[in-house]
Amino acid sequence: MSLNIKNAETYRLVKELADETGQSMTAAVTEAVRAQLDRIRAARGESESESEARLQEIHALFELMRSRAPAGYWDQDFDEQLYDERGLPK
């Protein structure tokens, strides 16, 4: 897996957080993202297990959609249908 950050301020902040905590930059990002997700879920009154259950429901819906689509439907290049050669919507 890969995450490429091309924002100087974000890089600086992650480096600063890693230096302050003595963690690697990856560990600092992981912990910060996890903490932010916990805050969001707490604000919604949702536990991690409830969030996971909701995510599983969404995955089940996608699988249902997938199973009902005609053969080869998901093999299409949807980008080609939606965007022109410059990447703008058609």
N, C-alpha and C. Protein backbone atom coordinates (compact mmCIF):
# COMPACT_ATOMS: atom_id res chain seq x y z
N MET A 1 0.84 -1.17 0.00
CA MET A 1 0.00 0.00 0.00
C MET A 1 0.89 1.24 0.00
N SER A 2 0.31 2.31 -0.50
CA SER A 2 1.10 3.52 -0.63
C SER A 2 0.24 4.75 -0.38
N LEU A 3 0.83 5.73 0.26
CA LEU A 3 0.19 7.03 0.46
C LEU A 3 1.26 8.06 0.17
N ASN A 4 1.03 8.87 -0.84
CA ASN A 4 2.02 9.84 -1.27
C ASN A 4 1.50 11.23 -0.95
N ILE A 5 2.13 11.91 -0.01
CA ILE A 5 1.69 13.24 0.41
C ILE A 5 2.55 14.28 -0.29
N LYS A 6 1.90 15.14 -1.07
CA LYS A 6 2.63 16.17 -1.82
C LYS A 6 2.24 17.55 -1.35
N ASN A 7 2.08 17.68 -0.05
CA ASN A 7 1.72 18.97 0.53
C ASN A 7 2.78 19.28 1.58
N ALA A 8 3.50 20.35 1.38
CA ALA A 8 4.63 20.69 2.26
C ALA A 8 4.19 20.88 3.71
N GLU A 9 3.06 21.54 3.92
CA GLU A 9 2.60 21.77 5.29
C GLU A 9 2.23 20.46 5.98
N THR A 10 1.54 19.58 5.25
CA THR A 10 1.17 18.28 5.82
C THR A 10 2.41 17.49 6.18
N TYR A 11 3.39 17.47 5.29
CA TYR A 11 4.63 16.75 5.55
C TYR A 11 5.31 17.31 6.80
N ARG A 12 5.37 18.65 6.88
CA ARG A 12 6.01 19.29 8.03
C ARG A 12 5.29 18.94 9.33
N LEU A 13 3.96 18.99 9.31
CA LEU A 13 3.19 18.67 10.51
C LEU A 13 3.36 17.22 10.94
N VAL A 14 3.36 16.31 9.98
CA VAL A 14 3.56 14.89 10.31
C VAL A 14 4.95 14.68 10.88
N LYS A 15 5.94 15.31 10.28
CA LYS A 15 7.31 15.18 10.79
C LYS A 15 7.41 15.74 12.20
N GLU A 16 6.79 16.89 12.43
CA GLU A 16 6.80 17.51 13.76
C GLU A 16 6.12 16.59 14.78
N LEU A 17 4.99 16.02 14.42
CA LEU A 17 4.28 15.10 15.32
C LEU A 17 5.13 13.87 15.61
N ALA A 18 5.77 13.33 14.60
CA ALA A 18 6.62 12.16 14.78
C ALA A 18 7.80 12.49 15.70
N ASP A 19 8.40 13.64 15.50
CA ASP A 19 9.52 14.06 16.36
C ASP A 19 9.07 14.24 17.81
N GLU A 20 7.91 14.87 18.00
CA GLU A 20 7.40 15.12 19.35
C GLU A 20 7.07 13.83 20.09
N THR A 21 6.55 12.85 19.35
CA THR A 21 6.11 11.60 19.99
C THR A 21 7.17 10.51 19.97
N GLY A 22 8.23 10.71 19.19
CA GLY A 22 9.26 9.69 19.08
C GLY A 22 8.83 8.52 18.20
N GLN A 23 7.78 8.72 17.43
CA GLN A 23 7.28 7.67 16.55
C GLN A 23 7.82 7.86 15.14
N SER A 24 7.64 6.81 14.33
CA SER A 24 7.92 6.98 12.91
C SER A 24 6.82 7.86 12.32
N MET A 25 7.05 8.40 11.15
CA MET A 25 6.03 9.22 10.52
C MET A 25 4.78 8.39 10.23
N THR A 26 4.97 7.14 9.82
CA THR A 26 3.83 6.26 9.55
C THR A 26 3.01 6.02 10.80
N ALA A 27 3.69 5.73 11.91
CA ALA A 27 2.98 5.49 13.17
C ALA A 27 2.26 6.74 13.64
N ALA A 28 2.88 7.90 13.45
CA ALA A 28 2.26 9.16 13.86
C ALA A 28 0.98 9.42 13.05
N VAL A 29 1.03 9.17 11.75
CA VAL A 29 -0.15 9.35 10.90
C VAL A 29 -1.24 8.36 11.31
N THR A 30 -0.86 7.10 11.50
CA THR A 30 -1.83 6.08 11.89
C THR A 30 -2.53 6.45 13.18
N GLU A 31 -1.77 6.85 14.17
CA GLU A 31 -2.35 7.21 15.47
C GLU A 31 -3.23 8.45 15.36
N ALA A 32 -2.79 9.43 14.59
CA ALA A 32 -3.57 10.66 14.44
C ALA A 32 -4.89 10.40 13.71
N VAL A 33 -4.84 9.59 12.67
CA VAL A 33 -6.06 9.26 11.92
C VAL A 33 -7.01 8.46 12.80
N ARG A 34 -6.46 7.49 13.53
CA ARG A 34 -7.29 6.68 14.43
C ARG A 34 -7.96 7.57 15.49
N ALA A 35 -7.21 8.51 16.05
CA ALA A 35 -7.77 9.41 17.07
C ALA A 35 -8.87 10.29 16.48
N GLN A 36 -8.66 10.78 15.27
CA GLN A 36 -9.68 11.61 14.62
C GLN A 36 -10.94 10.80 14.34
N LEU A 37 -10.78 9.57 13.87
CA LEU A 37 -11.95 8.71 13.63
C LEU A 37 -12.69 8.44 14.93
N ASP A 38 -11.96 8.21 16.01
CA ASP A 38 -12.59 8.00 17.32
C ASP A 38 -13.41 9.22 17.73
N ARG A 39 -12.86 10.44 17.50
CA ARG A 39 -13.58 11.67 17.84
C ARG A 39 -14.86 11.81 17.01
N ILE A 40 -14.76 11.51 15.73
CA ILE A 40 -15.92 11.61 14.85
C ILE A 40 -17.00 10.62 15.27
N ARG A 41 -16.58 9.39 15.54
CA ARG A 41 -17.55 8.36 15.95
C ARG A 41 -18.18 8.71 17.29
N ALA A 42 -17.38 9.23 18.20
CA ALA A 42 -17.91 9.61 19.51
C ALA A 42 -18.92 10.74 19.37
N ALA A 43 -18.64 11.69 18.48
CA ALA A 43 -19.56 12.80 18.27
C ALA A 43 -20.88 12.31 17.68
N ARG A 44 -20.82 11.25 16.89
CA ARG A 44 -22.03 10.66 16.33
C ARG A 44 -22.69 9.69 17.31
N GLY A 45 -21.98 9.41 18.41
CA GLY A 45 -22.50 8.44 19.36
C GLY A 45 -22.39 7.03 18.85
N GLU A 46 -21.40 6.78 18.02
CA GLU A 46 -21.24 5.49 17.37
C GLU A 46 -19.96 4.82 17.84
N SER A 47 -20.05 3.58 18.23
CA SER A 47 -18.85 2.85 18.65
C SER A 47 -18.14 2.30 17.41
N GLU A 48 -16.92 1.84 17.61
CA GLU A 48 -16.16 1.27 16.50
C GLU A 48 -16.86 0.04 15.95
N SER A 49 -17.45 -0.78 16.82
CA SER A 49 -18.14 -1.99 16.35
C SER A 49 -19.38 -1.63 15.54
N GLU A 50 -20.08 -0.56 15.92
CA GLU A 50 -21.24 -0.11 15.14
C GLU A 50 -20.79 0.41 13.78
N SER A 51 -19.70 1.12 13.77
CA SER A 51 -19.16 1.63 12.52
C SER A 51 -18.75 0.48 11.61
N GLU A 52 -18.11 -0.53 12.19
CA GLU A 52 -17.69 -1.71 11.43
C GLU A 52 -18.92 -2.44 10.88
N ALA A 53 -19.97 -2.56 11.68
CA ALA A 53 -21.19 -3.22 11.24
C ALA A 53 -21.81 -2.47 10.07
N ARG A 54 -21.81 -1.14 10.14
CA ARG A 54 -22.35 -0.31 9.06
C ARG A 54 -21.53 -0.50 7.79
N LEU A 55 -20.22 -0.57 7.94
CA LEU A 55 -19.35 -0.79 6.80
C LEU A 55 -19.62 -2.15 6.16
N GLN A 56 -19.84 -3.17 6.97
CA GLN A 56 -20.15 -4.50 6.44
C GLN A 56 -21.48 -4.50 5.68
N GLU A 57 -22.46 -3.74 6.17
CA GLU A 57 -23.73 -3.61 5.45
C GLU A 57 -23.52 -2.98 4.08
N ILE A 58 -22.68 -1.97 4.03
CA ILE A 58 -22.39 -1.30 2.75
C ILE A 58 -21.71 -2.27 1.80
N HIS A 59 -20.75 -3.04 2.30
CA HIS A 59 -20.08 -4.04 1.47
C HIS A 59 -21.07 -5.07 0.94
N ALA A 60 -22.01 -5.50 1.79
CA ALA A 60 -23.02 -6.47 1.38
C ALA A 60 -23.89 -5.89 0.25
N LEU A 61 -24.23 -4.61 0.35
CA LEU A 61 -25.02 -3.97 -0.71
C LEU A 61 -24.24 -3.93 -2.03
N PHE A 62 -22.95 -3.63 -1.96
CA PHE A 62 -22.13 -3.63 -3.17
C PHE A 62 -22.07 -5.02 -3.79
N GLU A 63 -21.93 -6.03 -2.97
CA GLU A 63 -21.90 -7.41 -3.48
C GLU A 63 -23.23 -7.77 -4.13
N LEU A 64 -24.33 -7.34 -3.54
CA LEU A 64 -25.65 -7.58 -4.12
C LEU A 64 -25.76 -6.89 -5.49
N MET A 65 -25.32 -5.64 -5.57
CA MET A 65 -25.33 -4.92 -6.85
C MET A 65 -24.48 -5.65 -7.88
N ARG A 66 -23.33 -6.10 -7.45
CA ARG A 66 -22.41 -6.81 -8.33
C ARG A 66 -23.05 -8.08 -8.87
N SER A 67 -23.71 -8.82 -8.00
CA SER A 67 -24.29 -10.10 -8.41
C SER A 67 -25.47 -9.92 -9.36
N ARG A 68 -26.15 -8.79 -9.32
CA ARG A 68 -27.33 -8.55 -10.16
C ARG A 68 -27.01 -7.88 -11.50
N ALA A 69 -25.79 -7.43 -11.66
CA ALA A 69 -25.41 -6.76 -12.90
C ALA A 69 -25.20 -7.79 -14.01
N PRO A 70 -25.46 -7.40 -15.26
CA PRO A 70 -25.22 -8.32 -16.38
C PRO A 70 -23.74 -8.71 -16.45
N ALA A 71 -23.49 -9.88 -17.02
CA ALA A 71 -22.11 -10.37 -17.15
C ALA A 71 -21.26 -9.34 -17.89
N GLY A 72 -20.08 -9.07 -17.37
CA GLY A 72 -19.14 -8.15 -18.00
C GLY A 72 -19.39 -6.68 -17.69
N TYR A 73 -20.47 -6.38 -16.99
CA TYR A 73 -20.81 -4.98 -16.70
C TYR A 73 -19.69 -4.26 -15.96
N TRP A 74 -19.14 -4.90 -14.95
CA TRP A 74 -18.12 -4.25 -14.12
C TRP A 74 -16.74 -4.24 -14.77
N ASP A 75 -16.63 -4.89 -15.95
CA ASP A 75 -15.35 -4.89 -16.67
C ASP A 75 -15.21 -3.65 -17.56
N GLN A 76 -16.26 -2.85 -17.67
CA GLN A 76 -16.23 -1.66 -18.51
C GLN A 76 -15.27 -0.62 -17.95
N ASP A 77 -14.79 0.23 -18.84
CA ASP A 77 -13.97 1.36 -18.42
C ASP A 77 -14.91 2.56 -18.25
N PHE A 78 -15.39 2.75 -17.03
CA PHE A 78 -16.36 3.82 -16.77
C PHE A 78 -15.73 5.20 -16.94
N ASP A 79 -14.44 5.33 -16.66
CA ASP A 79 -13.78 6.62 -16.84
C ASP A 79 -13.87 7.09 -18.29
N GLU A 80 -13.70 6.14 -19.21
CA GLU A 80 -13.75 6.47 -20.63
C GLU A 80 -15.13 6.99 -21.01
N GLN A 81 -16.16 6.46 -20.38
CA GLN A 81 -17.53 6.88 -20.68
C GLN A 81 -17.86 8.24 -20.04
N LEU A 82 -17.24 8.53 -18.92
CA LEU A 82 -17.60 9.73 -18.16
C LEU A 82 -16.73 10.95 -18.45
N TYR A 83 -15.46 10.71 -18.86
CA TYR A 83 -14.52 11.81 -18.99
C TYR A 83 -13.91 11.85 -20.38
N ASP A 84 -13.59 13.06 -20.85
CA ASP A 84 -12.96 13.20 -22.15
C ASP A 84 -11.45 12.99 -22.03
N GLU A 85 -10.73 13.19 -23.13
CA GLU A 85 -9.29 12.94 -23.17
C GLU A 85 -8.49 13.88 -22.27
N ARG A 86 -9.10 14.99 -21.83
CA ARG A 86 -8.43 15.92 -20.91
C ARG A 86 -8.80 15.67 -19.46
N GLY A 87 -9.64 14.65 -19.22
CA GLY A 87 -10.05 14.32 -17.86
C GLY A 87 -11.23 15.13 -17.36
N LEU A 88 -11.87 15.85 -18.27
CA LEU A 88 -13.04 16.65 -17.90
C LEU A 88 -14.31 15.85 -18.15
N PRO A 89 -15.35 16.09 -17.36
CA PRO A 89 -16.62 15.37 -17.59
C PRO A 89 -17.15 15.63 -18.99
N LYS A 90 -17.71 14.58 -19.59
CA LYS A 90 -18.28 14.72 -20.93
C LYS A 90 -19.61 15.43 -20.85
